[in-house]
Amino acid sequence: MANPYKLRLDLLSMAKELLMEDYHTKIHAIEQSYKRQVDLISRSQGYTEIEYPTLPPMPSAEDITSLAIKFNKFISNGNV
């Protein structure tokens, strides 16, 4: 049987990795969309300053812990 402390650490690591991957995917999509907008507007209107979009917040410790708890419940009970 695995050490319960190691399992908790693994669940926290897995939750953090998943949330950070999702965060970076969103950031990348926003950046690409912004670059396309700048390119289209600069081609049609010349130089125009465009406000950079608001970025989503990074996952917090609470977000990571909450997801790790969901993982733990799924593993322990077989449901979410």
PDB file of N, CA and C in Angstrom:
ATOM      1  N   MET A   1       0.840  -1.181   0.000  1.00  0.00           N
ATOM      2  CA  MET A   1       0.000   0.000   0.000  1.00  0.00           C
ATOM      3  C   MET A   1       0.887   1.247   0.000  1.00  0.00           C
ATOM      4  N   ALA A   2       0.476   2.246  -0.738  1.00  0.00           N
ATOM      5  CA  ALA A   2       1.260   3.481  -0.868  1.00  0.00           C
ATOM      6  C   ALA A   2       1.122   4.344   0.388  1.00  0.00           C
ATOM      7  N   ASN A   3       2.129   5.113   0.632  1.00  0.00           N
ATOM      8  CA  ASN A   3       2.145   6.048   1.742  1.00  0.00           C
ATOM      9  C   ASN A   3       1.077   7.128   1.495  1.00  0.00           C
ATOM     10  N   PRO A   4       0.176   7.390   2.478  1.00  0.00           N
ATOM     11  CA  PRO A   4      -0.887   8.383   2.270  1.00  0.00           C
ATOM     12  C   PRO A   4      -0.345   9.801   2.031  1.00  0.00           C
ATOM     13  N   TYR A   5       0.779  10.132   2.631  1.00  0.00           N
ATOM     14  CA  TYR A   5       1.376  11.451   2.411  1.00  0.00           C
ATOM     15  C   TYR A   5       1.872  11.596   0.980  1.00  0.00           C
ATOM     16  N   LYS A   6       2.458  10.533   0.478  1.00  0.00           N
ATOM     17  CA  LYS A   6       2.931  10.531  -0.917  1.00  0.00           C
ATOM     18  C   LYS A   6       1.747  10.643  -1.877  1.00  0.00           C
ATOM     19  N   LEU A   7       0.670   9.942  -1.578  1.00  0.00           N
ATOM     20  CA  LEU A   7      -0.528  10.026  -2.427  1.00  0.00           C
ATOM     21  C   LEU A   7      -1.084  11.451  -2.455  1.00  0.00           C
ATOM     22  N   ARG A   8      -1.138  12.075  -1.299  1.00  0.00           N
ATOM     23  CA  ARG A   8      -1.640  13.464  -1.244  1.00  0.00           C
ATOM     24  C   ARG A   8      -0.742  14.399  -2.049  1.00  0.00           C
ATOM     25  N   LEU A   9       0.556  14.222  -1.891  1.00  0.00           N
ATOM     26  CA  LEU A   9       1.501  15.049  -2.639  1.00  0.00           C
ATOM     27  C   LEU A   9       1.335  14.820  -4.143  1.00  0.00           C
ATOM     28  N   ASP A  10       1.175  13.565  -4.531  1.00  0.00           N
ATOM     29  CA  ASP A  10       0.966  13.252  -5.950  1.00  0.00           C
ATOM     30  C   ASP A  10      -0.317  13.876  -6.476  1.00  0.00           C
ATOM     31  N   LEU A  11      -1.385  13.836  -5.683  1.00  0.00           N
ATOM     32  CA  LEU A  11      -2.657  14.433  -6.104  1.00  0.00           C
ATOM     33  C   LEU A  11      -2.533  15.949  -6.240  1.00  0.00           C
ATOM     34  N   LEU A  12      -1.834  16.572  -5.299  1.00  0.00           N
ATOM     35  CA  LEU A  12      -1.609  18.020  -5.395  1.00  0.00           C
ATOM     36  C   LEU A  12      -0.778  18.356  -6.630  1.00  0.00           C
ATOM     37  N   SER A  13       0.253  17.582  -6.877  1.00  0.00           N
ATOM     38  CA  SER A  13       1.101  17.814  -8.055  1.00  0.00           C
ATOM     39  C   SER A  13       0.308  17.640  -9.343  1.00  0.00           C
ATOM     40  N   MET A  14      -0.516  16.599  -9.383  1.00  0.00           N
ATOM     41  CA  MET A  14      -1.325  16.343 -10.573  1.00  0.00           C
ATOM     42  C   MET A  14      -2.335  17.478 -10.794  1.00  0.00           C
ATOM     43  N   ALA A  15      -2.964  17.934  -9.728  1.00  0.00           N
ATOM     44  CA  ALA A  15      -3.937  19.026  -9.835  1.00  0.00           C
ATOM     45  C   ALA A  15      -3.253  20.304 -10.310  1.00  0.00           C
ATOM     46  N   LYS A  16      -2.097  20.611  -9.725  1.00  0.00           N
ATOM     47  CA  LYS A  16      -1.362  21.816 -10.132  1.00  0.00           C
ATOM     48  C   LYS A  16      -0.964  21.742 -11.600  1.00  0.00           C
ATOM     49  N   GLU A  17      -0.435  20.602 -12.005  1.00  0.00           N
ATOM     50  CA  GLU A  17      -0.006  20.436 -13.393  1.00  0.00           C
ATOM     51  C   GLU A  17      -1.182  20.613 -14.360  1.00  0.00           C
ATOM     52  N   LEU A  18      -2.301  20.016 -14.038  1.00  0.00           N
ATOM     53  CA  LEU A  18      -3.481  20.115 -14.897  1.00  0.00           C
ATOM     54  C   LEU A  18      -3.988  21.551 -14.988  1.00  0.00           C
ATOM     55  N   LEU A  19      -4.086  22.228 -13.847  1.00  0.00           N
ATOM     56  CA  LEU A  19      -4.576  23.608 -13.842  1.00  0.00           C
ATOM     57  C   LEU A  19      -3.602  24.559 -14.544  1.00  0.00           C
ATOM     58  N   MET A  20      -2.306  24.351 -14.351  1.00  0.00           N
ATOM     59  CA  MET A  20      -1.328  25.213 -15.009  1.00  0.00           C
ATOM     60  C   MET A  20      -1.318  24.979 -16.515  1.00  0.00           C
ATOM     61  N   GLU A  21      -1.491  23.744 -16.939  1.00  0.00           N
ATOM     62  CA  GLU A  21      -1.559  23.446 -18.372  1.00  0.00           C
ATOM     63  C   GLU A  21      -2.770  24.141 -18.994  1.00  0.00           C
ATOM     64  N   ASP A  22      -3.898  24.080 -18.298  1.00  0.00           N
ATOM     65  CA  ASP A  22      -5.107  24.752 -18.776  1.00  0.00           C
ATOM     66  C   ASP A  22      -4.891  26.269 -18.822  1.00  0.00           C
ATOM     67  N   TYR A  23      -4.253  26.818 -17.803  1.00  0.00           N
ATOM     68  CA  TYR A  23      -3.963  28.250 -17.742  1.00  0.00           C
ATOM     69  C   TYR A  23      -3.081  28.675 -18.924  1.00  0.00           C
ATOM     70  N   HIS A  24      -2.017  27.932 -19.174  1.00  0.00           N
ATOM     71  CA  HIS A  24      -1.110  28.285 -20.273  1.00  0.00           C
ATOM     72  C   HIS A  24      -1.786  28.135 -21.636  1.00  0.00           C
ATOM     73  N   THR A  25      -2.678  27.186 -21.770  1.00  0.00           N
ATOM     74  CA  THR A  25      -3.435  27.034 -23.010  1.00  0.00           C
ATOM     75  C   THR A  25      -4.314  28.255 -23.252  1.00  0.00           C
ATOM     76  N   LYS A  26      -4.979  28.718 -22.191  1.00  0.00           N
ATOM     77  CA  LYS A  26      -5.825  29.916 -22.311  1.00  0.00           C
ATOM     78  C   LYS A  26      -4.991  31.155 -22.658  1.00  0.00           C
ATOM     79  N   ILE A  27      -3.855  31.314 -21.989  1.00  0.00           N
ATOM     80  CA  ILE A  27      -2.967  32.454 -22.255  1.00  0.00           C
ATOM     81  C   ILE A  27      -2.503  32.434 -23.706  1.00  0.00           C
ATOM     82  N   HIS A  28      -2.101  31.274 -24.175  1.00  0.00           N
ATOM     83  CA  HIS A  28      -1.626  31.139 -25.553  1.00  0.00           C
ATOM     84  C   HIS A  28      -2.734  31.521 -26.543  1.00  0.00           C
ATOM     85  N   ALA A  29      -3.946  31.067 -26.288  1.00  0.00           N
ATOM     86  CA  ALA A  29      -5.066  31.390 -27.175  1.00  0.00           C
ATOM     87  C   ALA A  29      -5.346  32.896 -27.182  1.00  0.00           C
ATOM     88  N   ILE A  30      -5.281  33.526 -26.029  1.00  0.00           N
ATOM     89  CA  ILE A  30      -5.504  34.973 -25.942  1.00  0.00           C
ATOM     90  C   ILE A  30      -4.405  35.716 -26.698  1.00  0.00           C
ATOM     91  N   GLU A  31      -3.163  35.304 -26.512  1.00  0.00           N
ATOM     92  CA  GLU A  31      -2.044  35.955 -27.194  1.00  0.00           C
ATOM     93  C   GLU A  31      -2.156  35.813 -28.711  1.00  0.00           C
ATOM     94  N   GLN A  32      -2.500  34.630 -29.174  1.00  0.00           N
ATOM     95  CA  GLN A  32      -2.637  34.411 -30.613  1.00  0.00           C
ATOM     96  C   GLN A  32      -3.774  35.249 -31.194  1.00  0.00           C
ATOM     97  N   SER A  33      -4.882  35.317 -30.485  1.00  0.00           N
ATOM     98  CA  SER A  33      -6.016  36.131 -30.933  1.00  0.00           C
ATOM     99  C   SER A  33      -5.624  37.605 -30.996  1.00  0.00           C
ATOM    100  N   TYR A  34      -4.911  38.078 -29.978  1.00  0.00           N
ATOM    101  CA  TYR A  34      -4.458  39.469 -29.946  1.00  0.00           C
ATOM    102  C   TYR A  34      -3.525  39.761 -31.120  1.00  0.00           C
ATOM    103  N   LYS A  35      -2.580  38.863 -31.367  1.00  0.00           N
ATOM    104  CA  LYS A  35      -1.639  39.065 -32.470  1.00  0.00           C
ATOM    105  C   LYS A  35      -2.359  39.110 -33.814  1.00  0.00           C
ATOM    106  N   ARG A  36      -3.372  38.252 -33.982  1.00  0.00           N
ATOM    107  CA  ARG A  36      -4.155  38.273 -35.229  1.00  0.00           C
ATOM    108  C   ARG A  36      -4.899  39.597 -35.382  1.00  0.00           C
ATOM    109  N   GLN A  37      -5.487  40.089 -34.291  1.00  0.00           N
ATOM    110  CA  GLN A  37      -6.192  41.367 -34.333  1.00  0.00           C
ATOM    111  C   GLN A  37      -5.248  42.501 -34.708  1.00  0.00           C
ATOM    112  N   VAL A  38      -4.093  42.542 -34.070  1.00  0.00           N
ATOM    113  CA  VAL A  38      -3.111  43.592 -34.350  1.00  0.00           C
ATOM    114  C   VAL A  38      -2.685  43.522 -35.809  1.00  0.00           C
ATOM    115  N   ASP A  39      -2.435  42.326 -36.297  1.00  0.00           N
ATOM    116  CA  ASP A  39      -2.009  42.150 -37.680  1.00  0.00           C
ATOM    117  C   ASP A  39      -3.094  42.612 -38.655  1.00  0.00           C
ATOM    118  N   LEU A  40      -4.325  42.209 -38.424  1.00  0.00           N
ATOM    119  CA  LEU A  40      -5.421  42.603 -39.316  1.00  0.00           C
ATOM    120  C   LEU A  40      -5.654  44.108 -39.309  1.00  0.00           C
ATOM    121  N   ILE A  41      -5.657  44.694 -38.137  1.00  0.00           N
ATOM    122  CA  ILE A  41      -5.907  46.142 -38.039  1.00  0.00           C
ATOM    123  C   ILE A  41      -4.748  46.927 -38.622  1.00  0.00           C
ATOM    124  N   SER A  42      -3.523  46.496 -38.352  1.00  0.00           N
ATOM    125  CA  SER A  42      -2.375  47.244 -38.881  1.00  0.00           C
ATOM    126  C   SER A  42      -2.320  47.148 -40.402  1.00  0.00           C
ATOM    127  N   ARG A  43      -2.766  46.046 -40.969  1.00  0.00           N
ATOM    128  CA  ARG A  43      -2.790  45.932 -42.433  1.00  0.00           C
ATOM    129  C   ARG A  43      -3.852  46.836 -43.046  1.00  0.00           C
ATOM    130  N   SER A  44      -4.990  46.931 -42.395  1.00  0.00           N
ATOM    131  CA  SER A  44      -6.085  47.697 -42.984  1.00  0.00           C
ATOM    132  C   SER A  44      -6.056  49.174 -42.610  1.00  0.00           C
ATOM    133  N   GLN A  45      -5.573  49.511 -41.419  1.00  0.00           N
ATOM    134  CA  GLN A  45      -5.656  50.898 -40.956  1.00  0.00           C
ATOM    135  C   GLN A  45      -4.305  51.515 -40.630  1.00  0.00           C
ATOM    136  N   GLY A  46      -3.246  50.808 -40.869  1.00  0.00           N
ATOM    137  CA  GLY A  46      -1.948  51.302 -40.440  1.00  0.00           C
ATOM    138  C   GLY A  46      -1.793  51.040 -38.955  1.00  0.00           C
ATOM    139  N   TYR A  47      -0.875  51.726 -38.343  1.00  0.00           N
ATOM    140  CA  TYR A  47      -0.614  51.477 -36.925  1.00  0.00           C
ATOM    141  C   TYR A  47      -1.754  52.007 -36.078  1.00  0.00           C
ATOM    142  N   THR A  48      -2.322  51.149 -35.278  1.00  0.00           N
ATOM    143  CA  THR A  48      -3.346  51.515 -34.303  1.00  0.00           C
ATOM    144  C   THR A  48      -3.050  50.746 -33.034  1.00  0.00           C
ATOM    145  N   GLU A  49      -3.026  51.467 -31.933  1.00  0.00           N
ATOM    146  CA  GLU A  49      -2.752  50.804 -30.662  1.00  0.00           C
ATOM    147  C   GLU A  49      -4.003  50.066 -30.198  1.00  0.00           C
ATOM    148  N   ILE A  50      -3.821  48.819 -29.859  1.00  0.00           N
ATOM    149  CA  ILE A  50      -4.928  47.993 -29.392  1.00  0.00           C
ATOM    150  C   ILE A  50      -4.634  47.591 -27.960  1.00  0.00           C
ATOM    151  N   GLU A  51      -5.638  47.738 -27.116  1.00  0.00           N
ATOM    152  CA  GLU A  51      -5.470  47.385 -25.711  1.00  0.00           C
ATOM    153  C   GLU A  51      -5.282  45.878 -25.571  1.00  0.00           C
ATOM    154  N   TYR A  52      -4.298  45.518 -24.778  1.00  0.00           N
ATOM    155  CA  TYR A  52      -4.035  44.090 -24.563  1.00  0.00           C
ATOM    156  C   TYR A  52      -5.156  43.515 -23.701  1.00  0.00           C
ATOM    157  N   PRO A  53      -5.653  42.345 -24.052  1.00  0.00           N
ATOM    158  CA  PRO A  53      -6.774  41.771 -23.299  1.00  0.00           C
ATOM    159  C   PRO A  53      -6.388  41.394 -21.869  1.00  0.00           C
ATOM    160  N   THR A  54      -7.392  41.364 -21.025  1.00  0.00           N
ATOM    161  CA  THR A  54      -7.196  40.934 -19.647  1.00  0.00           C
ATOM    162  C   THR A  54      -6.932  39.430 -19.626  1.00  0.00           C
ATOM    163  N   LEU A  55      -5.925  39.047 -18.893  1.00  0.00           N
ATOM    164  CA  LEU A  55      -5.566  37.634 -18.804  1.00  0.00           C
ATOM    165  C   LEU A  55      -6.287  36.989 -17.624  1.00  0.00           C
ATOM    166  N   PRO A  56      -6.570  35.702 -17.730  1.00  0.00           N
ATOM    167  CA  PRO A  56      -7.216  35.021 -16.606  1.00  0.00           C
ATOM    168  C   PRO A  56      -6.256  34.915 -15.432  1.00  0.00           C
ATOM    169  N   PRO A  57      -6.790  34.815 -14.230  1.00  0.00           N
ATOM    170  CA  PRO A  57      -5.904  34.681 -13.074  1.00  0.00           C
ATOM    171  C   PRO A  57      -5.233  33.310 -13.065  1.00  0.00           C
ATOM    172  N   MET A  58      -4.038  33.280 -12.506  1.00  0.00           N
ATOM    173  CA  MET A  58      -3.347  31.998 -12.348  1.00  0.00           C
ATOM    174  C   MET A  58      -4.105  31.161 -11.324  1.00  0.00           C
ATOM    175  N   PRO A  59      -4.018  29.857 -11.442  1.00  0.00           N
ATOM    176  CA  PRO A  59      -4.665  29.011 -10.442  1.00  0.00           C
ATOM    177  C   PRO A  59      -4.114  29.309  -9.047  1.00  0.00           C
ATOM    178  N   SER A  60      -5.021  29.412  -8.097  1.00  0.00           N
ATOM    179  CA  SER A  60      -4.615  29.697  -6.722  1.00  0.00           C
ATOM    180  C   SER A  60      -4.373  28.395  -5.967  1.00  0.00           C
ATOM    181  N   ALA A  61      -3.821  28.519  -4.785  1.00  0.00           N
ATOM    182  CA  ALA A  61      -3.622  27.343  -3.926  1.00  0.00           C
ATOM    183  C   ALA A  61      -4.969  26.688  -3.627  1.00  0.00           C
ATOM    184  N   GLU A  62      -5.997  27.513  -3.473  1.00  0.00           N
ATOM    185  CA  GLU A  62      -7.338  26.981  -3.208  1.00  0.00           C
ATOM    186  C   GLU A  62      -7.858  26.185  -4.402  1.00  0.00           C
ATOM    187  N   ASP A  63      -7.597  26.685  -5.619  1.00  0.00           N
ATOM    188  CA  ASP A  63      -8.010  25.961  -6.830  1.00  0.00           C
ATOM    189  C   ASP A  63      -7.327  24.595  -6.897  1.00  0.00           C
ATOM    190  N   ILE A  64      -6.039  24.597  -6.624  1.00  0.00           N
ATOM    191  CA  ILE A  64      -5.253  23.364  -6.688  1.00  0.00           C
ATOM    192  C   ILE A  64      -5.731  22.374  -5.622  1.00  0.00           C
ATOM    193  N   THR A  65      -5.908  22.867  -4.408  1.00  0.00           N
ATOM    194  CA  THR A  65      -6.362  22.009  -3.317  1.00  0.00           C
ATOM    195  C   THR A  65      -7.746  21.445  -3.599  1.00  0.00           C
ATOM    196  N   SER A  66      -8.630  22.285  -4.106  1.00  0.00           N
ATOM    197  CA  SER A  66      -9.997  21.840  -4.420  1.00  0.00           C
ATOM    198  C   SER A  66      -9.991  20.722  -5.458  1.00  0.00           C
ATOM    199  N   LEU A  67      -9.192  20.876  -6.493  1.00  0.00           N
ATOM    200  CA  LEU A  67      -9.119  19.838  -7.523  1.00  0.00           C
ATOM    201  C   LEU A  67      -8.483  18.561  -6.959  1.00  0.00           C
ATOM    202  N   ALA A  68      -7.463  18.700  -6.136  1.00  0.00           N
ATOM    203  CA  ALA A  68      -6.828  17.530  -5.517  1.00  0.00           C
ATOM    204  C   ALA A  68      -7.832  16.782  -4.631  1.00  0.00           C
ATOM    205  N   ILE A  69      -8.681  17.517  -3.934  1.00  0.00           N
ATOM    206  CA  ILE A  69      -9.714  16.889  -3.102  1.00  0.00           C
ATOM    207  C   ILE A  69     -10.707  16.120  -3.973  1.00  0.00           C
ATOM    208  N   LYS A  70     -11.070  16.700  -5.114  1.00  0.00           N
ATOM    209  CA  LYS A  70     -11.962  15.991  -6.042  1.00  0.00           C
ATOM    210  C   LYS A  70     -11.313  14.702  -6.538  1.00  0.00           C
ATOM    211  N   PHE A  71     -10.034  14.780  -6.880  1.00  0.00           N
ATOM    212  CA  PHE A  71      -9.308  13.582  -7.301  1.00  0.00           C
ATOM    213  C   PHE A  71      -9.317  12.536  -6.190  1.00  0.00           C
ATOM    214  N   ASN A  72      -9.056  12.973  -4.971  1.00  0.00           N
ATOM    215  CA  ASN A  72      -9.012  12.065  -3.819  1.00  0.00           C
ATOM    216  C   ASN A  72     -10.369  11.394  -3.604  1.00  0.00           C
ATOM    217  N   LYS A  73     -11.444  12.181  -3.696  1.00  0.00           N
ATOM    218  CA  LYS A  73     -12.783  11.607  -3.533  1.00  0.00           C
ATOM    219  C   LYS A  73     -13.074  10.575  -4.621  1.00  0.00           C
ATOM    220  N   PHE A  74     -12.660  10.879  -5.823  1.00  0.00           N
ATOM    221  CA  PHE A  74     -12.874   9.942  -6.919  1.00  0.00           C
ATOM    222  C   PHE A  74     -12.118   8.641  -6.671  1.00  0.00           C
ATOM    223  N   ILE A  75     -10.874   8.777  -6.259  1.00  0.00           N
ATOM    224  CA  ILE A  75     -10.054   7.581  -5.992  1.00  0.00           C
ATOM    225  C   ILE A  75     -10.605   6.790  -4.817  1.00  0.00           C
ATOM    226  N   SER A  76     -10.992   7.501  -3.758  1.00  0.00           N
ATOM    227  CA  SER A  76     -11.455   6.837  -2.539  1.00  0.00           C
ATOM    228  C   SER A  76     -12.839   6.216  -2.693  1.00  0.00           C
ATOM    229  N   ASN A  77     -13.738   6.942  -3.365  1.00  0.00           N
ATOM    230  CA  ASN A  77     -15.133   6.509  -3.430  1.00  0.00           C
ATOM    231  C   ASN A  77     -15.548   6.020  -4.801  1.00  0.00           C
ATOM    232  N   GLY A  78     -14.751   6.268  -5.796  1.00  0.00           N
ATOM    233  CA  GLY A  78     -15.129   5.869  -7.145  1.00  0.00           C
ATOM    234  C   GLY A  78     -16.116   6.811  -7.791  1.00  0.00           C
ATOM    235  N   ASN A  79     -16.372   7.966  -7.163  1.00  0.00           N
ATOM    236  CA  ASN A  79     -17.249   8.977  -7.771  1.00  0.00           C
ATOM    237  C   ASN A  79     -16.787  10.362  -7.373  1.00  0.00           C
ATOM    238  N   VAL A  80     -17.386  11.349  -8.007  1.00  0.00           N
ATOM    239  CA  VAL A  80     -16.993  12.733  -7.724  1.00  0.00           C
ATOM    240  C   VAL A  80     -18.077  13.404  -6.945  1.00  0.00           C
TER     241      VAL A  80
END
